[in-house]
Each structure stands twice: as structure tokens, then as C-alpha cells.
């Protein structure tokens, strides 16, 4: 018993393998070093042996989402849109006020604005901020045009 205690004390100082009641104990540093020297196949076998010995699994638990538990797949999270397109879908009854608004919004000439309005549906502005798109829509709807934001 006294000899066993001396071996344990010296092992703690030197961090070496210690014999204790027929079992071997290894320090954490030595264990990590041993694992670090293993190849992938040896690591895989070690994991399987540990799973069998302790009845555990090395796989990560996956939490079920509410949609998945309802039987459907969880939809991908949609990114918030940052750029919008304003599209003139219909001119309406009064074409002249719509032409004037298109002219002021796009800085086109009178003939180009008229041709633009007559070729509806057509994008007025593309890849603009939501606030600007809503302002354009509001202006055009005030003069009778139908506008869509995409």
C-alpha cells in the first residue's frame, strides 16, 4: 500500500502512466498527445469503441423546428429585399398627367416619356430603395396610373 502511494505521487509529478489496482491511468496531456498522433481510421475506431463501452453517440443532437415536427420541411429563411423595381402596369384614363410624372421621375424628354407610357407595362426605375419606390408609386397612382413594386 505504501509503495502504491509512492508510485501515484511520483506519477503526478512526472505525469506518467500509473498502475493502480490492475488499471492504467494516463494523464490528460499524454491522452491528448496520443489522440493527436492517431490517423483518421484509428480515431474512428476509438470513437466506436467509446460509444459501445458507454452507450452514447458522438453525433450532435438536432433540434426539431416547429415546421419539421408538423410534417413539412422548414422553408429557407428569406433574405430581406433591399432593392426594388417600380413597374408601370397601366396608364389609366388620363395619359397626359402620367406622361408628365414619368418625365419628372426619369428625366426623359417629352417624346421619350410619351413612348415610355404607351409601351406599358414597363419598368420605370430598377434596383432602388423601398422608400423611393413607394414615393414613385404614390405619385403615379395620384394621377391615375397603376404601378407595381417588385
C-alpha atoms as a PDB file:
ATOM      1  CA  UNK A   1       0.000   0.000   0.000  1.00  0.00           C
ATOM      2  CA  UNK A   2       2.801   2.413   0.883  1.00  0.00           C
ATOM      3  CA  UNK A   3       4.646   1.544  -2.342  1.00  0.00           C
ATOM      4  CA  UNK A   4       1.454   2.166  -4.348  1.00  0.00           C
ATOM      5  CA  UNK A   5       1.079   5.662  -2.835  1.00  0.00           C
ATOM      6  CA  UNK A   6       4.687   6.499  -3.697  1.00  0.00           C
ATOM      7  CA  UNK A   7       4.120   5.457  -7.307  1.00  0.00           C
ATOM      8  CA  UNK A   8       0.992   7.622  -7.509  1.00  0.00           C
ATOM      9  CA  UNK A   9       2.806  10.622  -6.005  1.00  0.00           C
ATOM     10  CA  UNK A  10       5.750  10.275  -8.372  1.00  0.00           C
ATOM     11  CA  UNK A  11       3.374   9.821 -11.324  1.00  0.00           C
ATOM     12  CA  UNK A  12       1.528  13.036 -10.514  1.00  0.00           C
ATOM     13  CA  UNK A  13       4.819  14.878 -10.563  1.00  0.00           C
ATOM     14  CA  UNK A  14       6.040  13.267 -13.788  1.00  0.00           C
ATOM     15  CA  UNK A  15       2.589  12.785 -15.431  1.00  0.00           C
ATOM     16  CA  UNK A  16       3.370   9.230 -16.459  1.00  0.00           C
ATOM     17  CA  UNK A  17       1.349   6.026 -16.606  1.00  0.00           C
ATOM     18  CA  UNK A  18       0.434   4.750 -13.126  1.00  0.00           C
ATOM     19  CA  UNK A  19      -0.570   1.228 -12.127  1.00  0.00           C
ATOM     20  CA  UNK A  20      -3.423   1.238  -9.643  1.00  0.00           C
ATOM     21  CA  UNK A  21      -5.251  -1.961  -8.714  1.00  0.00           C
ATOM     22  CA  UNK A  22      -4.552  -3.503 -12.116  1.00  0.00           C
ATOM     23  CA  UNK A  23      -5.783  -0.463 -14.117  1.00  0.00           C
ATOM     24  CA  UNK A  24      -3.672   2.001 -16.014  1.00  0.00           C
ATOM     25  CA  UNK A  25      -4.264   5.729 -15.623  1.00  0.00           C
ATOM     26  CA  UNK A  26      -2.838   8.224 -18.084  1.00  0.00           C
ATOM     27  CA  UNK A  27      -2.551  11.987 -17.721  1.00  0.00           C
ATOM     28  CA  UNK A  28      -4.722  14.300 -19.814  1.00  0.00           C
ATOM     29  CA  UNK A  29      -1.710  15.691 -21.650  1.00  0.00           C
ATOM     30  CA  UNK A  30      -0.494  12.225 -22.622  1.00  0.00           C
ATOM     31  CA  UNK A  31      -4.007  11.194 -23.688  1.00  0.00           C
ATOM     32  CA  UNK A  32      -4.426  14.279 -25.886  1.00  0.00           C
ATOM     33  CA  UNK A  33      -0.968  13.714 -27.383  1.00  0.00           C
ATOM     34  CA  UNK A  34      -1.838  10.084 -28.133  1.00  0.00           C
ATOM     35  CA  UNK A  35      -5.061  11.097 -29.869  1.00  0.00           C
ATOM     36  CA  UNK A  36      -3.176  13.772 -31.793  1.00  0.00           C
ATOM     37  CA  UNK A  37      -0.861  11.124 -33.207  1.00  0.00           C
ATOM     38  CA  UNK A  38      -3.706   8.871 -34.439  1.00  0.00           C
ATOM     39  CA  UNK A  39      -4.816   8.710 -38.057  1.00  0.00           C
ATOM     40  CA  UNK A  40      -8.470   9.044 -39.082  1.00  0.00           C
ATOM     41  CA  UNK A  41      -9.108   5.310 -39.160  1.00  0.00           C
ATOM     42  CA  UNK A  42      -7.740   4.873 -35.637  1.00  0.00           C
ATOM     43  CA  UNK A  43      -9.825   7.814 -34.391  1.00  0.00           C
ATOM     44  CA  UNK A  44     -12.948   6.327 -35.942  1.00  0.00           C
ATOM     45  CA  UNK A  45     -12.292   3.000 -34.227  1.00  0.00           C
ATOM     46  CA  UNK A  46     -11.685   4.785 -30.906  1.00  0.00           C
ATOM     47  CA  UNK A  47     -14.989   6.657 -31.192  1.00  0.00           C
ATOM     48  CA  UNK A  48     -16.876   3.443 -31.967  1.00  0.00           C
ATOM     49  CA  UNK A  49     -15.277   1.690 -29.005  1.00  0.00           C
ATOM     50  CA  UNK A  50     -16.188   4.580 -26.672  1.00  0.00           C
ATOM     51  CA  UNK A  51     -19.770   4.624 -27.972  1.00  0.00           C
ATOM     52  CA  UNK A  52     -20.144   0.904 -27.345  1.00  0.00           C
ATOM     53  CA  UNK A  53     -18.488   0.978 -23.926  1.00  0.00           C
ATOM     54  CA  UNK A  54     -20.511   3.891 -22.546  1.00  0.00           C
ATOM     55  CA  UNK A  55     -23.712   3.523 -24.597  1.00  0.00           C
ATOM     56  CA  UNK A  56     -23.551   7.022 -26.068  1.00  0.00           C
ATOM     57  CA  UNK A  57     -23.463   8.556 -29.512  1.00  0.00           C
ATOM     58  CA  UNK A  58     -20.855  11.005 -30.788  1.00  0.00           C
ATOM     59  CA  UNK A  59     -23.309  12.625 -33.226  1.00  0.00           C
ATOM     60  CA  UNK A  60     -24.672  16.088 -32.494  1.00  0.00           C
ATOM     61  CA  UNK A  61     -28.309  16.268 -31.413  1.00  0.00           C
ATOM     62  CA  UNK A  62     -30.543  18.060 -33.909  1.00  0.00           C
ATOM     63  CA  UNK A  63     -33.384  20.158 -32.545  1.00  0.00           C
ATOM     64  CA  UNK A  64     -36.619  19.803 -34.472  1.00  0.00           C
ATOM     65  CA  UNK A  65     -38.120  23.020 -35.787  1.00  0.00           C
ATOM     66  CA  UNK A  66     -41.869  23.627 -35.410  1.00  0.00           C
ATOM     67  CA  UNK A  67     -42.407  23.229 -39.165  1.00  0.00           C
ATOM     68  CA  UNK A  68     -40.450  19.975 -39.260  1.00  0.00           C
ATOM     69  CA  UNK A  69     -42.431  18.497 -36.400  1.00  0.00           C
ATOM     70  CA  UNK A  70     -45.652  19.407 -38.206  1.00  0.00           C
ATOM     71  CA  UNK A  71     -44.603  17.115 -41.049  1.00  0.00           C
ATOM     72  CA  UNK A  72     -43.375  19.721 -43.528  1.00  0.00           C
ATOM     73  CA  UNK A  73     -39.906  20.852 -44.340  1.00  0.00           C
ATOM     74  CA  UNK A  74     -38.738  24.112 -42.820  1.00  0.00           C
ATOM     75  CA  UNK A  75     -38.661  26.799 -45.525  1.00  0.00           C
ATOM     76  CA  UNK A  76     -35.387  28.579 -46.150  1.00  0.00           C
ATOM     77  CA  UNK A  77     -35.230  31.915 -44.418  1.00  0.00           C
ATOM     78  CA  UNK A  78     -35.868  34.612 -46.959  1.00  0.00           C
ATOM     79  CA  UNK A  79     -33.466  37.489 -47.041  1.00  0.00           C
ATOM     80  CA  UNK A  80     -34.953  40.923 -46.708  1.00  0.00           C
ATOM     81  CA  UNK A  81     -35.071  42.602 -50.073  1.00  0.00           C
ATOM     82  CA  UNK A  82     -33.048  45.805 -50.350  1.00  0.00           C
ATOM     83  CA  UNK A  83     -33.540  46.802 -53.988  1.00  0.00           C
ATOM     84  CA  UNK A  84     -36.863  47.179 -55.748  1.00  0.00           C
ATOM     85  CA  UNK A  85     -38.151  47.716 -59.269  1.00  0.00           C
ATOM     86  CA  UNK A  86     -41.031  50.097 -59.993  1.00  0.00           C
ATOM     87  CA  UNK A  87     -43.119  48.949 -62.954  1.00  0.00           C
ATOM     88  CA  UNK A  88     -45.797  50.941 -64.751  1.00  0.00           C
ATOM     89  CA  UNK A  89     -48.513  48.358 -65.427  1.00  0.00           C
ATOM     90  CA  UNK A  90     -51.350  50.553 -66.761  1.00  0.00           C
ATOM     91  CA  UNK A  91     -51.591  54.205 -67.793  1.00  0.00           C
ATOM     92  CA  UNK A  92     -55.178  54.790 -66.750  1.00  0.00           C
ATOM     93  CA  UNK A  93     -57.710  57.217 -68.242  1.00  0.00           C
ATOM     94  CA  UNK A  94     -55.585  60.379 -68.187  1.00  0.00           C
ATOM     95  CA  UNK A  95     -52.432  59.819 -70.165  1.00  0.00           C
ATOM     96  CA  UNK A  96     -51.022  63.395 -70.114  1.00  0.00           C
ATOM     97  CA  UNK A  97     -50.565  63.694 -66.306  1.00  0.00           C
ATOM     98  CA  UNK A  98     -48.905  60.244 -66.288  1.00  0.00           C
ATOM     99  CA  UNK A  99     -46.524  61.363 -69.070  1.00  0.00           C
ATOM    100  CA  UNK A 100     -45.631  64.464 -67.022  1.00  0.00           C
ATOM    101  CA  UNK A 101     -44.908  62.394 -63.920  1.00  0.00           C
ATOM    102  CA  UNK A 102     -42.831  59.868 -65.873  1.00  0.00           C
ATOM    103  CA  UNK A 103     -40.911  62.781 -67.388  1.00  0.00           C
ATOM    104  CA  UNK A 104     -40.146  64.260 -63.961  1.00  0.00           C
ATOM    105  CA  UNK A 105     -39.183  60.888 -62.471  1.00  0.00           C
ATOM    106  CA  UNK A 106     -36.976  59.640 -65.301  1.00  0.00           C
ATOM    107  CA  UNK A 107     -35.674  62.950 -66.729  1.00  0.00           C
ATOM    108  CA  UNK A 108     -36.690  61.831 -70.226  1.00  0.00           C
ATOM    109  CA  UNK A 109     -37.792  64.205 -72.934  1.00  0.00           C
ATOM    110  CA  UNK A 110     -41.457  64.690 -73.835  1.00  0.00           C
ATOM    111  CA  UNK A 111     -41.429  62.288 -76.813  1.00  0.00           C
ATOM    112  CA  UNK A 112     -39.455  59.626 -74.892  1.00  0.00           C
ATOM    113  CA  UNK A 113     -41.857  59.909 -71.937  1.00  0.00           C
ATOM    114  CA  UNK A 114     -44.870  59.549 -74.264  1.00  0.00           C
ATOM    115  CA  UNK A 115     -43.343  56.474 -75.933  1.00  0.00           C
ATOM    116  CA  UNK A 116     -42.492  55.070 -72.500  1.00  0.00           C
ATOM    117  CA  UNK A 117     -46.080  55.437 -71.238  1.00  0.00           C
ATOM    118  CA  UNK A 118     -47.536  53.926 -74.405  1.00  0.00           C
ATOM    119  CA  UNK A 119     -45.291  50.874 -74.091  1.00  0.00           C
ATOM    120  CA  UNK A 120     -46.613  49.941 -70.621  1.00  0.00           C
ATOM    121  CA  UNK A 121     -46.132  47.575 -68.795  1.00  0.00           C
ATOM    122  CA  UNK A 122     -42.547  48.702 -68.426  1.00  0.00           C
ATOM    123  CA  UNK A 123     -40.091  49.220 -65.549  1.00  0.00           C
ATOM    124  CA  UNK A 124     -39.758  52.864 -64.568  1.00  0.00           C
ATOM    125  CA  UNK A 125     -36.783  52.518 -62.237  1.00  0.00           C
ATOM    126  CA  UNK A 126     -34.866  49.426 -61.214  1.00  0.00           C
ATOM    127  CA  UNK A 127     -32.821  48.494 -58.152  1.00  0.00           C
ATOM    128  CA  UNK A 128     -33.847  51.416 -55.974  1.00  0.00           C
ATOM    129  CA  UNK A 129     -34.571  51.675 -52.252  1.00  0.00           C
ATOM    130  CA  UNK A 130     -38.007  50.799 -50.921  1.00  0.00           C
ATOM    131  CA  UNK A 131     -38.710  54.354 -49.746  1.00  0.00           C
ATOM    132  CA  UNK A 132     -38.008  55.842 -53.183  1.00  0.00           C
ATOM    133  CA  UNK A 133     -40.054  53.102 -54.891  1.00  0.00           C
ATOM    134  CA  UNK A 134     -43.045  53.840 -52.664  1.00  0.00           C
ATOM    135  CA  UNK A 135     -42.788  57.592 -53.378  1.00  0.00           C
ATOM    136  CA  UNK A 136     -42.795  56.965 -57.147  1.00  0.00           C
ATOM    137  CA  UNK A 137     -45.760  54.623 -56.821  1.00  0.00           C
ATOM    138  CA  UNK A 138     -47.669  57.173 -54.761  1.00  0.00           C
ATOM    139  CA  UNK A 139     -47.028  59.986 -57.310  1.00  0.00           C
ATOM    140  CA  UNK A 140     -48.122  57.884 -60.280  1.00  0.00           C
ATOM    141  CA  UNK A 141     -51.203  56.467 -58.589  1.00  0.00           C
ATOM    142  CA  UNK A 142     -52.253  60.016 -57.693  1.00  0.00           C
ATOM    143  CA  UNK A 143     -52.518  60.819 -61.434  1.00  0.00           C
ATOM    144  CA  UNK A 144     -54.399  57.603 -62.262  1.00  0.00           C
ATOM    145  CA  UNK A 145     -51.664  55.151 -63.303  1.00  0.00           C
ATOM    146  CA  UNK A 146     -51.336  51.642 -61.942  1.00  0.00           C
ATOM    147  CA  UNK A 147     -47.877  50.818 -60.575  1.00  0.00           C
ATOM    148  CA  UNK A 148     -46.342  47.664 -59.167  1.00  0.00           C
ATOM    149  CA  UNK A 149     -43.284  47.318 -56.924  1.00  0.00           C
ATOM    150  CA  UNK A 150     -41.247  44.140 -57.229  1.00  0.00           C
END
